[in-house]
Amino acid sequence: MYFPYLRGRQFEMIALREYAAQKGEKNNIIPIIEPVKNTFNTMKRALAIMSEHNVKYAIILNPCVGDIAKDKTMTIERSTDFIMESLSAELQDTSRWFPTYILTDNYSEILSQINNNDFNNVMIICSDSTDVNNADFVSLVGSERVNYIVSEENRKLKSLYNETKKIIRLDDKYKPEKRNKDYLIKQEEKFTEEHLYYTEEHYYGFSDYTVLSNEFKEGGSLPYAVVIHLTYQKDNEVWISHFTSETNDDQSNIQGKFAEALAKAVEFLKTTGLSNSSITELKEYYSLHKYPGLGVLKKIAVKNHLELMNSLI
């Protein structure tokens, strides 16, 4: 099972809802969603469509980045209540989603929230500061209400809890460049092979941040270069190519930069067997000479990755 880790921003949520509607009968994806806005309209629509099409999801109830995390009055209890109240209709059916918490040194507080809210099938995400030897951590993980543990490679977690818990390996696979134009040098690279080996390594599933950076950044400015990131299958592995514009000396003519990057992507796609709704949409923009905006490019990159991973598992 693949657990893509996404933030609750507009185009990530659009990618999820379109994926859910287009996945067909097969689904091997459970997205982990970290709310980063204190408004939920886009997320509400995405969650409703995922539920309609039987795509389960995990919602992080103590976000560590974004609007909710920046509010210093937001204790774990308050953030849990705020998200649950904001998404009350969407989260009413507890069989469709997993309550999820990020661990730092807050083990006993999280266990109290799990018990007070009568949560089951809980997912916990270990952070760099998680101490697996801490007695409160052991008590939290030992709870029958906790079924899923997401962590970077941790042999102790597997040896202690693999018999009773579903361990999910989390890796940061996407390696961003500081400047978009630097992708002209790094055009293609291996992305992951976890889909081939996670069961052999005794993981229940694997997780990454898709084709987005783990580093959370708010907002953004017009880029000097436009890049289209596409993952695809190569020798049974997943690779990623970066299709980058050429006229990158200033921030003007974003539409022209997109056309340059898109022409490279379409030429590349002629040599691969990559075919899904995301690729069809991308080719339509090429044939219509249409620029959809940078947010849509992000959505296409994420949705293509979801569709690809779903097809490979």
C-alpha atoms as a PDB file:
ATOM      1  CA  MET A   1       0.000   0.000   0.000  1.00  0.00           C
ATOM      2  CA  TYR A   2       1.242   3.498  -0.875  1.00  0.00           C
ATOM      3  CA  PHE A   3       0.717   6.381   1.580  1.00  0.00           C
ATOM      4  CA  PRO A   4       1.559   9.675  -0.191  1.00  0.00           C
ATOM      5  CA  TYR A   5       2.137  12.523   2.275  1.00  0.00           C
ATOM      6  CA  LEU A   6       0.479  15.727   1.051  1.00  0.00           C
ATOM      7  CA  ARG A   7      -0.275  19.120   2.527  1.00  0.00           C
ATOM      8  CA  GLY A   8      -3.846  20.371   2.387  1.00  0.00           C
ATOM      9  CA  ARG A   9      -3.260  23.061  -0.215  1.00  0.00           C
ATOM     10  CA  GLN A  10      -5.522  23.751  -3.150  1.00  0.00           C
ATOM     11  CA  PHE A  11      -3.840  21.914  -5.993  1.00  0.00           C
ATOM     12  CA  GLU A  12      -2.767  18.927  -3.901  1.00  0.00           C
ATOM     13  CA  MET A  13      -6.425  18.528  -2.925  1.00  0.00           C
ATOM     14  CA  ILE A  14      -7.553  18.887  -6.536  1.00  0.00           C
ATOM     15  CA  ALA A  15      -5.044  16.193  -7.510  1.00  0.00           C
ATOM     16  CA  LEU A  16      -6.495  13.872  -4.859  1.00  0.00           C
ATOM     17  CA  ARG A  17     -10.105  14.406  -5.845  1.00  0.00           C
ATOM     18  CA  GLU A  18      -9.360  13.914  -9.550  1.00  0.00           C
ATOM     19  CA  TYR A  19      -7.298  10.818  -8.801  1.00  0.00           C
ATOM     20  CA  ALA A  20     -10.151   9.377  -6.727  1.00  0.00           C
ATOM     21  CA  ALA A  21     -12.689   9.987  -9.472  1.00  0.00           C
ATOM     22  CA  GLN A  22     -10.460   8.480 -12.182  1.00  0.00           C
ATOM     23  CA  LYS A  23      -8.715   5.580 -10.454  1.00  0.00           C
ATOM     24  CA  GLY A  24     -11.154   2.943 -11.680  1.00  0.00           C
ATOM     25  CA  GLU A  25     -11.784  -0.166  -9.593  1.00  0.00           C
ATOM     26  CA  LYS A  26      -8.228  -0.502  -8.334  1.00  0.00           C
ATOM     27  CA  ASN A  27      -6.917   1.608  -5.485  1.00  0.00           C
ATOM     28  CA  ASN A  28      -3.688   0.955  -3.582  1.00  0.00           C
ATOM     29  CA  ILE A  29      -3.296   4.472  -2.198  1.00  0.00           C
ATOM     30  CA  ILE A  30      -4.153   5.961   1.197  1.00  0.00           C
ATOM     31  CA  PRO A  31      -3.088   9.631   1.248  1.00  0.00           C
ATOM     32  CA  ILE A  32      -1.832  11.225   4.451  1.00  0.00           C
ATOM     33  CA  ILE A  33      -3.061  14.826   4.571  1.00  0.00           C
ATOM     34  CA  GLU A  34      -1.597  17.549   6.786  1.00  0.00           C
ATOM     35  CA  PRO A  35      -3.964  20.544   6.962  1.00  0.00           C
ATOM     36  CA  VAL A  36      -1.952  23.738   6.504  1.00  0.00           C
ATOM     37  CA  LYS A  37      -4.776  26.264   6.070  1.00  0.00           C
ATOM     38  CA  ASN A  38      -7.355  27.342   8.607  1.00  0.00           C
ATOM     39  CA  THR A  39     -10.012  27.258   5.889  1.00  0.00           C
ATOM     40  CA  PHE A  40     -11.177  23.929   4.516  1.00  0.00           C
ATOM     41  CA  ASN A  41     -13.367  24.455   1.448  1.00  0.00           C
ATOM     42  CA  THR A  42     -11.030  22.757  -1.042  1.00  0.00           C
ATOM     43  CA  MET A  43     -10.289  19.947   1.383  1.00  0.00           C
ATOM     44  CA  LYS A  44     -13.974  19.353   2.095  1.00  0.00           C
ATOM     45  CA  ARG A  45     -14.671  18.779  -1.575  1.00  0.00           C
ATOM     46  CA  ALA A  46     -11.670  16.476  -1.960  1.00  0.00           C
ATOM     47  CA  LEU A  47     -12.560  14.373   1.086  1.00  0.00           C
ATOM     48  CA  ALA A  48     -16.163  14.019  -0.060  1.00  0.00           C
ATOM     49  CA  ILE A  49     -15.099  12.754  -3.491  1.00  0.00           C
ATOM     50  CA  MET A  50     -12.518  10.385  -2.001  1.00  0.00           C
ATOM     51  CA  SER A  51     -15.173   8.919   0.284  1.00  0.00           C
ATOM     52  CA  GLU A  52     -17.597   8.628  -2.611  1.00  0.00           C
ATOM     53  CA  HIS A  53     -15.026   6.619  -4.578  1.00  0.00           C
ATOM     54  CA  ASN A  54     -13.800   4.499  -1.641  1.00  0.00           C
ATOM     55  CA  VAL A  55     -10.377   6.079  -1.240  1.00  0.00           C
ATOM     56  CA  LYS A  56      -9.518   6.090   2.455  1.00  0.00           C
ATOM     57  CA  TYR A  57      -7.279   8.817   3.850  1.00  0.00           C
ATOM     58  CA  ALA A  58      -5.437   9.864   6.998  1.00  0.00           C
ATOM     59  CA  ILE A  59      -5.914  13.341   8.505  1.00  0.00           C
ATOM     60  CA  ILE A  60      -3.183  14.796  10.714  1.00  0.00           C
ATOM     61  CA  LEU A  61      -4.864  16.405  13.713  1.00  0.00           C
ATOM     62  CA  ASN A  62      -1.806  18.272  15.032  1.00  0.00           C
ATOM     63  CA  PRO A  63      -0.229  19.911  11.957  1.00  0.00           C
ATOM     64  CA  CYS A  64       3.382  21.022  12.373  1.00  0.00           C
ATOM     65  CA  VAL A  65       3.442  23.577   9.527  1.00  0.00           C
ATOM     66  CA  GLY A  66       1.025  26.148   8.159  1.00  0.00           C
ATOM     67  CA  ASP A  67      -1.708  28.350   9.646  1.00  0.00           C
ATOM     68  CA  ILE A  68      -2.840  26.005  12.418  1.00  0.00           C
ATOM     69  CA  ALA A  69       0.703  25.252  13.550  1.00  0.00           C
ATOM     70  CA  LYS A  70       1.579  28.970  13.659  1.00  0.00           C
ATOM     71  CA  ASP A  71      -1.283  29.694  16.057  1.00  0.00           C
ATOM     72  CA  LYS A  72       0.492  29.456  19.413  1.00  0.00           C
ATOM     73  CA  THR A  73      -2.815  28.921  21.214  1.00  0.00           C
ATOM     74  CA  MET A  74      -3.358  25.657  19.349  1.00  0.00           C
ATOM     75  CA  THR A  75      -2.611  22.883  21.783  1.00  0.00           C
ATOM     76  CA  ILE A  76      -3.017  19.321  20.512  1.00  0.00           C
ATOM     77  CA  GLU A  77      -6.463  19.295  22.081  1.00  0.00           C
ATOM     78  CA  ARG A  78      -7.508  22.547  20.428  1.00  0.00           C
ATOM     79  CA  SER A  79      -6.134  21.637  17.002  1.00  0.00           C
ATOM     80  CA  THR A  80      -7.905  18.271  17.189  1.00  0.00           C
ATOM     81  CA  ASP A  81     -11.190  19.945  18.089  1.00  0.00           C
ATOM     82  CA  PHE A  82     -10.746  22.661  15.460  1.00  0.00           C
ATOM     83  CA  ILE A  83     -10.094  20.231  12.598  1.00  0.00           C
ATOM     84  CA  MET A  84     -12.784  17.799  13.703  1.00  0.00           C
ATOM     85  CA  GLU A  85     -15.351  20.617  13.951  1.00  0.00           C
ATOM     86  CA  SER A  86     -14.294  22.189  10.644  1.00  0.00           C
ATOM     87  CA  LEU A  87     -14.620  18.831   8.859  1.00  0.00           C
ATOM     88  CA  SER A  88     -17.456  17.433  10.961  1.00  0.00           C
ATOM     89  CA  ALA A  89     -19.567  16.199   8.028  1.00  0.00           C
ATOM     90  CA  GLU A  90     -16.611  14.730   6.127  1.00  0.00           C
ATOM     91  CA  LEU A  91     -15.172  12.934   9.169  1.00  0.00           C
ATOM     92  CA  GLN A  92     -18.460  11.624  10.521  1.00  0.00           C
ATOM     93  CA  ASP A  93     -17.966   8.148   9.033  1.00  0.00           C
ATOM     94  CA  THR A  94     -14.925   6.929  10.960  1.00  0.00           C
ATOM     95  CA  SER A  95     -14.523   3.890   8.697  1.00  0.00           C
ATOM     96  CA  ARG A  96     -13.333   6.143   5.857  1.00  0.00           C
ATOM     97  CA  TRP A  97     -10.369   7.871   7.523  1.00  0.00           C
ATOM     98  CA  PHE A  98      -7.567   7.431  10.049  1.00  0.00           C
ATOM     99  CA  PRO A  99      -6.967   9.907  12.911  1.00  0.00           C
ATOM    100  CA  THR A 100      -3.276  10.771  12.696  1.00  0.00           C
ATOM    101  CA  TYR A 101      -0.757  12.505  14.940  1.00  0.00           C
ATOM    102  CA  ILE A 102       2.830  13.658  14.455  1.00  0.00           C
ATOM    103  CA  LEU A 103       5.045  12.690  17.385  1.00  0.00           C
ATOM    104  CA  THR A 104       7.661  14.921  18.939  1.00  0.00           C
ATOM    105  CA  ASP A 105       7.834  14.651  22.719  1.00  0.00           C
ATOM    106  CA  ASN A 106       4.042  14.779  23.127  1.00  0.00           C
ATOM    107  CA  TYR A 107       3.299  11.074  23.591  1.00  0.00           C
ATOM    108  CA  SER A 108       1.118  11.208  26.712  1.00  0.00           C
ATOM    109  CA  GLU A 109      -0.852  14.196  25.423  1.00  0.00           C
ATOM    110  CA  ILE A 110      -1.585  12.397  22.169  1.00  0.00           C
ATOM    111  CA  LEU A 111      -2.633   9.231  23.980  1.00  0.00           C
ATOM    112  CA  SER A 112      -5.055  11.314  26.060  1.00  0.00           C
ATOM    113  CA  GLN A 113      -6.572  12.805  22.902  1.00  0.00           C
ATOM    114  CA  ILE A 114      -6.938   9.375  21.326  1.00  0.00           C
ATOM    115  CA  ASN A 115      -8.729   8.037  24.389  1.00  0.00           C
ATOM    116  CA  ASN A 116     -10.850  11.142  25.027  1.00  0.00           C
ATOM    117  CA  ASN A 117     -12.104  11.174  21.439  1.00  0.00           C
ATOM    118  CA  ASP A 118     -12.573   7.398  21.343  1.00  0.00           C
ATOM    119  CA  PHE A 119     -10.372   7.175  18.234  1.00  0.00           C
ATOM    120  CA  ASN A 120      -9.496   3.792  16.740  1.00  0.00           C
ATOM    121  CA  ASN A 121      -7.273   2.765  13.826  1.00  0.00           C
ATOM    122  CA  VAL A 122      -4.980   5.637  14.766  1.00  0.00           C
ATOM    123  CA  MET A 123      -1.848   6.439  12.747  1.00  0.00           C
ATOM    124  CA  ILE A 124       1.214   8.011  14.361  1.00  0.00           C
ATOM    125  CA  ILE A 125       4.062   9.625  12.459  1.00  0.00           C
ATOM    126  CA  CYS A 126       7.497   9.550  14.050  1.00  0.00           C
ATOM    127  CA  SER A 127       9.594  12.708  13.657  1.00  0.00           C
ATOM    128  CA  ASP A 128      13.325  13.261  14.042  1.00  0.00           C
ATOM    129  CA  SER A 129      12.814  13.992  17.739  1.00  0.00           C
ATOM    130  CA  THR A 130      10.785  10.860  18.512  1.00  0.00           C
ATOM    131  CA  ASP A 131      12.425   8.761  21.227  1.00  0.00           C
ATOM    132  CA  VAL A 132      11.321   5.149  20.733  1.00  0.00           C
ATOM    133  CA  ASN A 133      12.873   4.260  24.120  1.00  0.00           C
ATOM    134  CA  ASN A 134      10.712   6.733  26.025  1.00  0.00           C
ATOM    135  CA  ALA A 135       8.257   5.048  28.398  1.00  0.00           C
ATOM    136  CA  ASP A 136       5.393   7.299  27.270  1.00  0.00           C
ATOM    137  CA  PHE A 137       6.141   6.428  23.647  1.00  0.00           C
ATOM    138  CA  VAL A 138       5.995   2.740  24.507  1.00  0.00           C
ATOM    139  CA  SER A 139       2.642   3.262  26.241  1.00  0.00           C
ATOM    140  CA  LEU A 140       1.281   5.159  23.232  1.00  0.00           C
ATOM    141  CA  VAL A 141       2.393   2.577  20.689  1.00  0.00           C
ATOM    142  CA  GLY A 142       1.170  -0.201  22.931  1.00  0.00           C
ATOM    143  CA  SER A 143      -2.380   1.136  22.835  1.00  0.00           C
ATOM    144  CA  GLU A 144      -4.807  -1.087  20.946  1.00  0.00           C
ATOM    145  CA  ARG A 145      -6.177   2.071  19.375  1.00  0.00           C
ATOM    146  CA  VAL A 146      -2.894   2.689  17.510  1.00  0.00           C
ATOM    147  CA  ASN A 147      -2.545   0.473  14.441  1.00  0.00           C
ATOM    148  CA  TYR A 148      -0.226   2.354  12.057  1.00  0.00           C
ATOM    149  CA  ILE A 149       3.307   3.670  12.634  1.00  0.00           C
ATOM    150  CA  VAL A 150       4.886   5.866   9.961  1.00  0.00           C
ATOM    151  CA  SER A 151       8.621   6.335  10.272  1.00  0.00           C
ATOM    152  CA  GLU A 152      11.873   6.642   8.432  1.00  0.00           C
ATOM    153  CA  GLU A 153      13.911   3.422   8.398  1.00  0.00           C
ATOM    154  CA  ASN A 154      13.914   2.216  12.008  1.00  0.00           C
ATOM    155  CA  ARG A 155      14.933  -1.364  12.683  1.00  0.00           C
ATOM    156  CA  LYS A 156      13.948  -1.176  16.336  1.00  0.00           C
ATOM    157  CA  LEU A 157      10.366  -0.228  15.460  1.00  0.00           C
ATOM    158  CA  LYS A 158      10.138  -3.168  13.086  1.00  0.00           C
ATOM    159  CA  SER A 159      11.648  -5.620  15.546  1.00  0.00           C
ATOM    160  CA  LEU A 160       9.425  -4.509  18.430  1.00  0.00           C
ATOM    161  CA  TYR A 161       6.108  -3.844  16.751  1.00  0.00           C
ATOM    162  CA  ASN A 162       5.943  -5.567  13.371  1.00  0.00           C
ATOM    163  CA  GLU A 163       3.904  -8.400  14.842  1.00  0.00           C
ATOM    164  CA  THR A 164       1.186  -6.129  16.195  1.00  0.00           C
ATOM    165  CA  LYS A 165       1.364  -2.862  14.213  1.00  0.00           C
ATOM    166  CA  LYS A 166       1.390  -1.865  10.554  1.00  0.00           C
ATOM    167  CA  ILE A 167       4.757  -0.212   9.944  1.00  0.00           C
ATOM    168  CA  ILE A 168       4.970   2.246   7.038  1.00  0.00           C
ATOM    169  CA  ARG A 169       8.327   3.440   5.778  1.00  0.00           C
ATOM    170  CA  LEU A 170       8.587   7.188   5.080  1.00  0.00           C
ATOM    171  CA  ASP A 171      11.274   8.537   2.740  1.00  0.00           C
ATOM    172  CA  ASP A 172      11.925  11.993   1.317  1.00  0.00           C
ATOM    173  CA  LYS A 173      12.517  11.018  -2.293  1.00  0.00           C
ATOM    174  CA  TYR A 174      12.210  14.334  -4.104  1.00  0.00           C
ATOM    175  CA  LYS A 175      15.430  16.366  -4.135  1.00  0.00           C
ATOM    176  CA  PRO A 176      14.619  19.958  -5.099  1.00  0.00           C
ATOM    177  CA  GLU A 177      17.054  22.366  -6.676  1.00  0.00           C
ATOM    178  CA  LYS A 178      17.457  25.853  -5.210  1.00  0.00           C
ATOM    179  CA  ARG A 179      16.623  27.419  -8.583  1.00  0.00           C
ATOM    180  CA  ASN A 180      14.309  26.020 -11.224  1.00  0.00           C
ATOM    181  CA  LYS A 181      16.813  26.659 -14.007  1.00  0.00           C
ATOM    182  CA  ASP A 182      19.243  24.269 -12.290  1.00  0.00           C
ATOM    183  CA  TYR A 183      17.024  21.404 -13.457  1.00  0.00           C
ATOM    184  CA  LEU A 184      18.473  21.979 -16.940  1.00  0.00           C
ATOM    185  CA  ILE A 185      21.526  20.098 -15.672  1.00  0.00           C
ATOM    186  CA  LYS A 186      19.657  17.442 -13.671  1.00  0.00           C
ATOM    187  CA  GLN A 187      17.197  16.270 -16.310  1.00  0.00           C
ATOM    188  CA  GLU A 188      16.544  12.674 -15.192  1.00  0.00           C
ATOM    189  CA  GLU A 189      17.143  10.721 -11.979  1.00  0.00           C
ATOM    190  CA  LYS A 190      15.993   7.654 -10.129  1.00  0.00           C
ATOM    191  CA  PHE A 191      13.093   8.403  -7.780  1.00  0.00           C
ATOM    192  CA  THR A 192      12.165   5.214  -5.915  1.00  0.00           C
ATOM    193  CA  GLU A 193      12.085   1.448  -5.957  1.00  0.00           C
ATOM    194  CA  GLU A 194      10.178   0.998  -2.694  1.00  0.00           C
ATOM    195  CA  HIS A 195       7.187  -0.489  -4.501  1.00  0.00           C
ATOM    196  CA  LEU A 196       9.380  -3.472  -5.385  1.00  0.00           C
ATOM    197  CA  TYR A 197      10.786  -4.218  -1.949  1.00  0.00           C
ATOM    198  CA  TYR A 198       8.627  -2.852   0.853  1.00  0.00           C
ATOM    199  CA  THR A 199       6.853  -6.159   1.471  1.00  0.00           C
ATOM    200  CA  GLU A 200      10.147  -8.082   1.407  1.00  0.00           C
ATOM    201  CA  GLU A 201      11.456  -5.651   4.030  1.00  0.00           C
ATOM    202  CA  HIS A 202       8.377  -6.425   6.154  1.00  0.00           C
ATOM    203  CA  TYR A 203       6.692  -3.049   5.835  1.00  0.00           C
ATOM    204  CA  TYR A 204       2.936  -2.769   5.533  1.00  0.00           C
ATOM    205  CA  GLY A 205       3.351   0.146   3.144  1.00  0.00           C
ATOM    206  CA  PHE A 206       5.631   2.953   2.027  1.00  0.00           C
ATOM    207  CA  SER A 207       5.280   6.717   2.031  1.00  0.00           C
ATOM    208  CA  ASP A 208       6.909   9.782   0.485  1.00  0.00           C
ATOM    209  CA  TYR A 209       6.095  13.388  -0.337  1.00  0.00           C
ATOM    210  CA  THR A 210       5.330  12.595  -4.002  1.00  0.00           C
ATOM    211  CA  VAL A 211       7.044  15.001  -6.411  1.00  0.00           C
ATOM    212  CA  LEU A 212       6.941  17.842  -3.886  1.00  0.00           C
ATOM    213  CA  SER A 213       9.520  18.982  -1.382  1.00  0.00           C
ATOM    214  CA  ASN A 214       9.179  18.003   2.256  1.00  0.00           C
ATOM    215  CA  GLU A 215      10.156  21.573   3.119  1.00  0.00           C
ATOM    216  CA  PHE A 216       6.984  23.607   3.547  1.00  0.00           C
ATOM    217  CA  LYS A 217       6.974  27.028   1.890  1.00  0.00           C
ATOM    218  CA  GLU A 218       4.103  29.477   1.956  1.00  0.00           C
ATOM    219  CA  GLY A 219       3.194  31.425  -1.144  1.00  0.00           C
ATOM    220  CA  GLY A 220       5.679  31.965  -3.908  1.00  0.00           C
ATOM    221  CA  SER A 221       6.757  34.350  -6.631  1.00  0.00           C
ATOM    222  CA  LEU A 222       6.912  34.134 -10.393  1.00  0.00           C
ATOM    223  CA  PRO A 223       9.758  31.787 -11.360  1.00  0.00           C
ATOM    224  CA  TYR A 224      12.608  32.527 -13.717  1.00  0.00           C
ATOM    225  CA  ALA A 225      12.210  29.021 -15.162  1.00  0.00           C
ATOM    226  CA  VAL A 226       9.185  26.731 -15.554  1.00  0.00           C
ATOM    227  CA  VAL A 227       9.712  23.046 -14.842  1.00  0.00           C
ATOM    228  CA  ILE A 228       7.386  20.093 -15.447  1.00  0.00           C
ATOM    229  CA  HIS A 229       8.196  17.124 -13.175  1.00  0.00           C
ATOM    230  CA  LEU A 230       6.997  13.717 -14.359  1.00  0.00           C
ATOM    231  CA  THR A 231       7.578  10.310 -12.816  1.00  0.00           C
ATOM    232  CA  TYR A 232       7.458   7.159 -14.943  1.00  0.00           C
ATOM    233  CA  GLN A 233       8.478   3.517 -14.925  1.00  0.00           C
ATOM    234  CA  LYS A 234      11.956   2.581 -16.117  1.00  0.00           C
ATOM    235  CA  ASP A 235      13.365  -0.941 -15.680  1.00  0.00           C
ATOM    236  CA  ASN A 236      10.642  -1.597 -13.064  1.00  0.00           C
ATOM    237  CA  GLU A 237      11.887   1.366 -11.002  1.00  0.00           C
ATOM    238  CA  VAL A 238      10.302   4.802 -10.764  1.00  0.00           C
ATOM    239  CA  TRP A 239      12.300   7.616 -12.320  1.00  0.00           C
ATOM    240  CA  ILE A 240      11.625  11.329 -12.578  1.00  0.00           C
ATOM    241  CA  SER A 241      12.404  13.729 -15.405  1.00  0.00           C
ATOM    242  CA  HIS A 242      12.480  17.497 -15.147  1.00  0.00           C
ATOM    243  CA  PHE A 243      11.463  19.376 -18.312  1.00  0.00           C
ATOM    244  CA  THR A 244      12.791  22.916 -18.029  1.00  0.00           C
ATOM    245  CA  SER A 245      12.307  26.080 -20.040  1.00  0.00           C
ATOM    246  CA  GLU A 246      15.273  27.651 -21.830  1.00  0.00           C
ATOM    247  CA  THR A 247      14.647  31.410 -21.645  1.00  0.00           C
ATOM    248  CA  ASN A 248      15.307  31.814 -17.944  1.00  0.00           C
ATOM    249  CA  ASP A 249      16.995  35.194 -17.539  1.00  0.00           C
ATOM    250  CA  ASP A 250      13.982  37.030 -16.105  1.00  0.00           C
ATOM    251  CA  GLN A 251      10.440  36.476 -14.825  1.00  0.00           C
ATOM    252  CA  SER A 252       8.628  37.610 -17.946  1.00  0.00           C
ATOM    253  CA  ASN A 253       6.589  35.500 -20.398  1.00  0.00           C
ATOM    254  CA  ILE A 254       5.693  32.603 -18.089  1.00  0.00           C
ATOM    255  CA  GLN A 255       3.389  31.281 -20.802  1.00  0.00           C
ATOM    256  CA  GLY A 256       6.305  31.080 -23.232  1.00  0.00           C
ATOM    257  CA  LYS A 257       8.472  29.342 -20.661  1.00  0.00           C
ATOM    258  CA  PHE A 258       5.697  26.798 -20.113  1.00  0.00           C
ATOM    259  CA  ALA A 259       5.511  26.160 -23.872  1.00  0.00           C
ATOM    260  CA  GLU A 260       9.255  25.449 -23.956  1.00  0.00           C
ATOM    261  CA  ALA A 261       9.074  23.005 -21.058  1.00  0.00           C
ATOM    262  CA  LEU A 262       5.915  21.369 -22.402  1.00  0.00           C
ATOM    263  CA  ALA A 263       7.445  20.773 -25.839  1.00  0.00           C
ATOM    264  CA  LYS A 264      10.286  18.858 -24.157  1.00  0.00           C
ATOM    265  CA  ALA A 265       7.843  16.822 -22.078  1.00  0.00           C
ATOM    266  CA  VAL A 266       5.657  15.879 -25.040  1.00  0.00           C
ATOM    267  CA  GLU A 267       8.689  14.829 -27.073  1.00  0.00           C
ATOM    268  CA  PHE A 268       9.869  12.662 -24.188  1.00  0.00           C
ATOM    269  CA  LEU A 269       6.441  11.075 -23.771  1.00  0.00           C
ATOM    270  CA  LYS A 270       6.656   9.752 -27.323  1.00  0.00           C
ATOM    271  CA  THR A 271       9.402   7.403 -26.159  1.00  0.00           C
ATOM    272  CA  THR A 272       7.660   6.063 -23.040  1.00  0.00           C
ATOM    273  CA  GLY A 273       4.550   4.031 -22.387  1.00  0.00           C
ATOM    274  CA  LEU A 274       3.323   6.511 -19.779  1.00  0.00           C
ATOM    275  CA  SER A 275      -0.397   7.017 -20.276  1.00  0.00           C
ATOM    276  CA  ASN A 276      -3.016   8.225 -17.814  1.00  0.00           C
ATOM    277  CA  SER A 277      -5.472  11.071 -17.352  1.00  0.00           C
ATOM    278  CA  SER A 278      -2.716  13.460 -16.219  1.00  0.00           C
ATOM    279  CA  ILE A 279      -0.658  12.853 -19.341  1.00  0.00           C
ATOM    280  CA  THR A 280      -3.754  13.234 -21.512  1.00  0.00           C
ATOM    281  CA  GLU A 281      -4.450  16.608 -19.900  1.00  0.00           C
ATOM    282  CA  LEU A 282      -0.862  17.731 -20.416  1.00  0.00           C
ATOM    283  CA  LYS A 283      -0.948  16.782 -24.106  1.00  0.00           C
ATOM    284  CA  GLU A 284      -4.219  18.670 -24.551  1.00  0.00           C
ATOM    285  CA  TYR A 285      -2.558  21.881 -23.360  1.00  0.00           C
ATOM    286  CA  TYR A 286       0.153  21.263 -25.940  1.00  0.00           C
ATOM    287  CA  SER A 287      -2.254  20.701 -28.817  1.00  0.00           C
ATOM    288  CA  LEU A 288      -4.389  23.706 -27.823  1.00  0.00           C
ATOM    289  CA  HIS A 289      -1.363  25.957 -27.173  1.00  0.00           C
ATOM    290  CA  LYS A 290      -2.897  26.717 -23.793  1.00  0.00           C
ATOM    291  CA  TYR A 291      -1.207  27.749 -20.542  1.00  0.00           C
ATOM    292  CA  PRO A 292      -3.198  26.471 -17.521  1.00  0.00           C
ATOM    293  CA  GLY A 293      -1.198  28.160 -14.743  1.00  0.00           C
ATOM    294  CA  LEU A 294       1.551  26.972 -12.426  1.00  0.00           C
ATOM    295  CA  GLY A 295      -0.875  25.508  -9.885  1.00  0.00           C
ATOM    296  CA  VAL A 296      -2.339  23.183 -12.500  1.00  0.00           C
ATOM    297  CA  LEU A 297       1.174  22.033 -13.397  1.00  0.00           C
ATOM    298  CA  LYS A 298       1.679  21.048  -9.760  1.00  0.00           C
ATOM    299  CA  LYS A 299      -1.630  19.202  -9.776  1.00  0.00           C
ATOM    300  CA  ILE A 300      -0.710  17.295 -12.941  1.00  0.00           C
ATOM    301  CA  ALA A 301       2.695  16.309 -11.534  1.00  0.00           C
ATOM    302  CA  VAL A 302       1.173  15.034  -8.280  1.00  0.00           C
ATOM    303  CA  LYS A 303      -1.754  13.256  -9.930  1.00  0.00           C
ATOM    304  CA  ASN A 304       0.488  11.598 -12.509  1.00  0.00           C
ATOM    305  CA  HIS A 305       2.613  10.253  -9.656  1.00  0.00           C
ATOM    306  CA  LEU A 306      -0.439   8.930  -7.815  1.00  0.00           C
ATOM    307  CA  GLU A 307      -1.772   7.265 -10.952  1.00  0.00           C
ATOM    308  CA  LEU A 308       1.635   5.754 -11.707  1.00  0.00           C
ATOM    309  CA  MET A 309       2.157   4.357  -8.207  1.00  0.00           C
ATOM    310  CA  ASN A 310      -1.353   2.945  -8.101  1.00  0.00           C
ATOM    311  CA  SER A 311      -0.709   1.108 -11.350  1.00  0.00           C
ATOM    312  CA  LEU A 312       2.602  -0.369 -10.127  1.00  0.00           C
ATOM    313  CA  ILE A 313       1.493  -1.863  -6.827  1.00  0.00           C
END
